[in-house]
Amino acid sequence: MTDYTAILTRRYKGKEWKLDGDNYDGLSWLSDGTKPTKAALDKLADEVAAEIEAETTAQAAAKKSAQTKLAALGLTADEIAAL
């Protein structure tokens, strides 16, 4: 299933729209200009999904790196939070 909300949020920044439900038929284009076609949005789906996956992976790697650094110092995340 295509995540139109993610596509519109990432690729049409600054544009106003409303999505009623999860499918293209529920898209109301509120900005000036032409509403993007279903085909145009579907074409962006894999690209946006890969972008989101890369961001999630990078965040997980950063968290693991931070935990490794804390462990090397003999600290836990809970100890840092308490500070």
N, C-alpha and C. Protein backbone atom coordinates (compact mmCIF):
# COMPACT_ATOMS: atom_id res chain seq x y z
N MET A 1 0.84 -1.17 0.00
CA MET A 1 0.00 0.00 0.00
C MET A 1 0.89 1.25 0.00
N THR A 2 0.56 2.18 -0.81
CA THR A 2 1.34 3.41 -0.94
C THR A 2 1.05 4.35 0.22
N ASP A 3 2.10 4.88 0.83
CA ASP A 3 1.96 5.82 1.94
C ASP A 3 1.95 7.25 1.38
N TYR A 4 0.75 7.67 0.97
CA TYR A 4 0.62 8.98 0.35
C TYR A 4 0.96 10.12 1.31
N THR A 5 0.67 9.94 2.59
CA THR A 5 1.00 10.98 3.57
C THR A 5 2.50 11.23 3.60
N ALA A 6 3.29 10.17 3.64
CA ALA A 6 4.75 10.31 3.66
C ALA A 6 5.26 10.97 2.39
N ILE A 7 4.72 10.57 1.26
CA ILE A 7 5.16 11.13 -0.02
C ILE A 7 4.83 12.61 -0.09
N LEU A 8 3.61 12.95 0.25
CA LEU A 8 3.18 14.35 0.18
C LEU A 8 3.96 15.22 1.17
N THR A 9 4.19 14.70 2.36
CA THR A 9 4.92 15.45 3.38
C THR A 9 6.36 15.71 2.96
N ARG A 10 6.99 14.73 2.36
CA ARG A 10 8.40 14.84 2.00
C ARG A 10 8.64 15.52 0.64
N ARG A 11 7.77 15.31 -0.30
CA ARG A 11 8.03 15.81 -1.65
C ARG A 11 7.22 17.05 -2.04
N TYR A 12 6.26 17.40 -1.21
CA TYR A 12 5.43 18.57 -1.52
C TYR A 12 5.38 19.50 -0.30
N LYS A 13 6.57 19.78 0.23
CA LYS A 13 6.68 20.66 1.39
C LYS A 13 6.14 22.05 1.03
N GLY A 14 5.42 22.63 1.97
CA GLY A 14 4.87 23.95 1.74
C GLY A 14 3.54 23.95 1.00
N LYS A 15 3.12 22.80 0.52
CA LYS A 15 1.83 22.69 -0.17
C LYS A 15 0.76 22.29 0.84
N GLU A 16 -0.44 22.73 0.58
CA GLU A 16 -1.55 22.39 1.46
C GLU A 16 -2.41 21.34 0.80
N TRP A 17 -2.73 20.32 1.58
CA TRP A 17 -3.54 19.22 1.09
C TRP A 17 -4.22 18.55 2.27
N LYS A 18 -5.19 17.74 2.00
CA LYS A 18 -5.89 16.97 3.02
C LYS A 18 -6.10 15.58 2.46
N LEU A 19 -5.84 14.57 3.28
CA LEU A 19 -6.02 13.19 2.84
C LEU A 19 -7.05 12.53 3.75
N ASP A 20 -8.18 12.17 3.18
CA ASP A 20 -9.23 11.49 3.91
C ASP A 20 -9.09 10.00 3.64
N GLY A 21 -8.56 9.28 4.61
CA GLY A 21 -8.29 7.86 4.43
C GLY A 21 -6.86 7.65 3.97
N ASP A 22 -6.62 6.49 3.39
CA ASP A 22 -5.26 6.11 3.00
C ASP A 22 -5.05 6.02 1.49
N ASN A 23 -6.08 6.32 0.70
CA ASN A 23 -5.90 6.15 -0.73
C ASN A 23 -5.99 7.48 -1.47
N TYR A 24 -5.55 7.46 -2.69
CA TYR A 24 -5.46 8.67 -3.51
C TYR A 24 -6.81 9.36 -3.69
N ASP A 25 -7.87 8.59 -3.74
CA ASP A 25 -9.19 9.18 -3.94
C ASP A 25 -9.58 10.14 -2.82
N GLY A 26 -8.96 9.98 -1.66
CA GLY A 26 -9.26 10.84 -0.53
C GLY A 26 -8.41 12.11 -0.49
N LEU A 27 -7.57 12.34 -1.50
CA LEU A 27 -6.69 13.50 -1.52
C LEU A 27 -7.41 14.74 -2.06
N SER A 28 -7.45 15.76 -1.23
CA SER A 28 -7.96 17.07 -1.64
C SER A 28 -6.79 18.03 -1.71
N TRP A 29 -6.56 18.64 -2.85
CA TRP A 29 -5.45 19.56 -3.05
C TRP A 29 -5.92 20.97 -2.74
N LEU A 30 -5.34 21.60 -1.73
CA LEU A 30 -5.77 22.90 -1.26
C LEU A 30 -4.88 24.03 -1.75
N SER A 31 -3.70 23.71 -2.23
CA SER A 31 -2.75 24.72 -2.71
C SER A 31 -3.07 25.11 -4.15
N ASP A 32 -2.50 26.23 -4.55
CA ASP A 32 -2.58 26.62 -5.95
C ASP A 32 -1.84 25.59 -6.78
N GLY A 33 -2.16 25.52 -8.00
CA GLY A 33 -1.49 24.58 -8.88
C GLY A 33 -2.27 23.29 -9.00
N THR A 34 -1.72 22.41 -9.78
CA THR A 34 -2.39 21.15 -10.08
C THR A 34 -2.08 20.09 -9.04
N LYS A 35 -3.08 19.36 -8.67
CA LYS A 35 -2.92 18.22 -7.77
C LYS A 35 -2.05 17.17 -8.46
N PRO A 36 -1.05 16.63 -7.75
CA PRO A 36 -0.23 15.58 -8.38
C PRO A 36 -1.08 14.36 -8.72
N THR A 37 -0.74 13.73 -9.80
CA THR A 37 -1.48 12.54 -10.21
C THR A 37 -1.13 11.35 -9.33
N LYS A 38 -2.00 10.37 -9.35
CA LYS A 38 -1.74 9.13 -8.61
C LYS A 38 -0.47 8.48 -9.13
N ALA A 39 -0.30 8.49 -10.44
CA ALA A 39 0.89 7.88 -11.05
C ALA A 39 2.17 8.59 -10.58
N ALA A 40 2.12 9.92 -10.48
CA ALA A 40 3.30 10.68 -10.03
C ALA A 40 3.64 10.34 -8.59
N LEU A 41 2.62 10.22 -7.75
CA LEU A 41 2.86 9.88 -6.34
C LEU A 41 3.33 8.44 -6.19
N ASP A 42 2.71 7.54 -6.94
CA ASP A 42 3.11 6.13 -6.89
C ASP A 42 4.56 5.94 -7.35
N LYS A 43 4.98 6.74 -8.30
CA LYS A 43 6.36 6.67 -8.81
C LYS A 43 7.37 7.04 -7.72
N LEU A 44 6.97 7.92 -6.78
CA LEU A 44 7.84 8.35 -5.69
C LEU A 44 7.84 7.40 -4.50
N ALA A 45 6.93 6.44 -4.48
CA ALA A 45 6.73 5.59 -3.31
C ALA A 45 7.99 4.83 -2.89
N ASP A 46 8.65 4.16 -3.81
CA ASP A 46 9.84 3.37 -3.46
C ASP A 46 10.97 4.27 -2.97
N GLU A 47 11.13 5.41 -3.63
CA GLU A 47 12.18 6.36 -3.25
C GLU A 47 11.96 6.88 -1.83
N VAL A 48 10.74 7.26 -1.51
CA VAL A 48 10.43 7.78 -0.17
C VAL A 48 10.55 6.67 0.87
N ALA A 49 10.09 5.48 0.56
CA ALA A 49 10.21 4.35 1.50
C ALA A 49 11.68 4.04 1.80
N ALA A 50 12.53 4.08 0.78
CA ALA A 50 13.96 3.84 0.97
C ALA A 50 14.58 4.94 1.82
N GLU A 51 14.15 6.16 1.60
CA GLU A 51 14.65 7.30 2.38
C GLU A 51 14.29 7.14 3.86
N ILE A 52 13.06 6.75 4.13
CA ILE A 52 12.61 6.54 5.50
C ILE A 52 13.38 5.40 6.14
N GLU A 53 13.58 4.32 5.41
CA GLU A 53 14.34 3.18 5.93
C GLU A 53 15.78 3.57 6.24
N ALA A 54 16.40 4.35 5.37
CA ALA A 54 17.78 4.80 5.60
C ALA A 54 17.87 5.67 6.85
N GLU A 55 16.88 6.54 7.05
CA GLU A 55 16.87 7.39 8.24
C GLU A 55 16.71 6.55 9.50
N THR A 56 15.83 5.56 9.45
CA THR A 56 15.61 4.68 10.60
C THR A 56 16.88 3.90 10.93
N THR A 57 17.55 3.39 9.91
CA THR A 57 18.79 2.65 10.10
C THR A 57 19.88 3.55 10.68
N ALA A 58 19.99 4.76 10.18
CA ALA A 58 20.99 5.70 10.68
C ALA A 58 20.72 6.06 12.14
N GLN A 59 19.47 6.24 12.51
CA GLN A 59 19.12 6.55 13.89
C GLN A 59 19.47 5.39 14.81
N ALA A 60 19.20 4.17 14.37
CA ALA A 60 19.52 2.99 15.17
C ALA A 60 21.03 2.86 15.34
N ALA A 61 21.78 3.12 14.27
CA ALA A 61 23.24 3.04 14.34
C ALA A 61 23.80 4.11 15.28
N ALA A 62 23.23 5.31 15.23
CA ALA A 62 23.69 6.38 16.11
C ALA A 62 23.41 6.04 17.57
N LYS A 63 22.27 5.46 17.83
CA LYS A 63 21.93 5.07 19.20
C LYS A 63 22.88 3.98 19.69
N LYS A 64 23.15 3.01 18.84
CA LYS A 64 24.07 1.93 19.23
C LYS A 64 25.47 2.49 19.48
N SER A 65 25.90 3.42 18.65
CA SER A 65 27.21 4.05 18.82
C SER A 65 27.29 4.79 20.14
N ALA A 66 26.23 5.51 20.47
CA ALA A 66 26.20 6.25 21.73
C ALA A 66 26.25 5.30 22.91
N GLN A 67 25.52 4.21 22.82
CA GLN A 67 25.52 3.22 23.90
C GLN A 67 26.90 2.58 24.06
N THR A 68 27.57 2.34 22.95
CA THR A 68 28.92 1.76 22.99
C THR A 68 29.89 2.73 23.66
N LYS A 69 29.77 4.02 23.33
CA LYS A 69 30.64 5.02 23.93
C LYS A 69 30.38 5.15 25.42
N LEU A 70 29.12 5.12 25.82
CA LEU A 70 28.79 5.18 27.24
C LEU A 70 29.36 3.97 27.98
N ALA A 71 29.20 2.80 27.38
CA ALA A 71 29.72 1.57 27.99
C ALA A 71 31.23 1.64 28.16
N ALA A 72 31.92 2.23 27.18
CA ALA A 72 33.38 2.36 27.27
C ALA A 72 33.77 3.26 28.44
N LEU A 73 32.89 4.19 28.78
CA LEU A 73 33.13 5.08 29.92
C LEU A 73 32.62 4.48 31.23
N GLY A 74 32.00 3.32 31.13
CA GLY A 74 31.47 2.67 32.32
C GLY A 74 30.14 3.28 32.78
N LEU A 75 29.42 3.89 31.85
CA LEU A 75 28.15 4.53 32.17
C LEU A 75 26.99 3.87 31.44
N THR A 76 25.82 4.01 31.99
CA THR A 76 24.62 3.52 31.32
C THR A 76 23.78 4.71 30.89
N ALA A 77 22.85 4.48 30.01
CA ALA A 77 21.94 5.55 29.57
C ALA A 77 21.12 6.07 30.74
N ASP A 78 20.75 5.18 31.65
CA ASP A 78 19.98 5.60 32.84
C ASP A 78 20.82 6.53 33.73
N GLU A 79 22.09 6.24 33.85
CA GLU A 79 22.96 7.10 34.66
C GLU A 79 23.11 8.48 34.02
N ILE A 80 23.22 8.53 32.72
CA ILE A 80 23.32 9.80 32.03
C ILE A 80 22.01 10.58 32.16
N ALA A 81 20.90 9.88 32.03
CA ALA A 81 19.59 10.54 32.17
C ALA A 81 19.41 11.12 33.57
N ALA A 82 19.93 10.41 34.56
CA ALA A 82 19.82 10.89 35.96
C ALA A 82 20.62 12.16 36.17
N LEU A 83 21.68 12.33 35.41
CA LEU A 83 22.50 13.54 35.55
C LEU A 83 21.77 14.73 35.00
